[in-house]
Amino acid sequence: MTEVAQPKNVLDPSAEQLGKTYARALINAAQAEGNDTLQLVVNQLGQIVDEYLGGSDSLRMALGSPRISEDEKVRVIDRVFGQDFHPLLIKFLKVMASRDRLGFIHAVRDQATQIFDDMMGRVVASVKSAVPLDDSIRNEITNHLSSVMNKQVRLTETVDPDLIGGMVIRVGDRVYDGSVANRLNSMARTTRAGFSSKLLEKFEQLTSQ
């Protein structure tokens, strides 16, 4: 039977706590080298999780499986990441490998991103839209929310073709209502050339109710 390493569920208290512990260690080490290194390392950790592990079952299995030796995991890290990623991050991944903790890398990424956002005074806005956002409307949403909340805003995006209203924006426990949808609809009209007509139609349906 083929073993497939599964990502750890960050809702698991033990995974979440372990993720925080390793994330704080990475943040502290990167911060000691300066803010540019800190931002780069956090971004690159996200790239590893989302693009590399998210796009390759075999790589995820190689790094997360307890059946694969530490030495082999280190060789994989060097071969796949060694030339393109910051040395501090490479060293961190090898430390996780030596402690058989690479199966928790998703939790570490989530916690490191959250810690970094807190350090930057930044809030996360989750945007679910019927079609992918383009750069113009993405910037409009970010700038508008930043102005309303008087904080930096980072967007996370999800596409749901079945979304009736066209777009839902959530910041923490708050879901933005029709008054904000009207404002976003106005933004969309000013950037019609770069914004999906399908999403505009869904905005119009929502705001006409």
Foldseek 3Di string as FASTA:
>chain_A
DDDFQDADDCVPVVLLVVLLVLLVVLQVVQVVVPPVSNVQLLVVLVCCVCPVVVVDRVLLCQLQPPVHALVSNLVVLCVPPVPPGDPSNNVSSSVCSVVSNSSSSVSNSVNNVVVVCVVQQEFEKEKEFLDDFDPQLVVVVQVVVCVVVVGGYDYDYHHDNPDQQGMWIDTPPDIDDLVVLVVSLVSCVVVVVRGDPVSNVSSVVRNVD
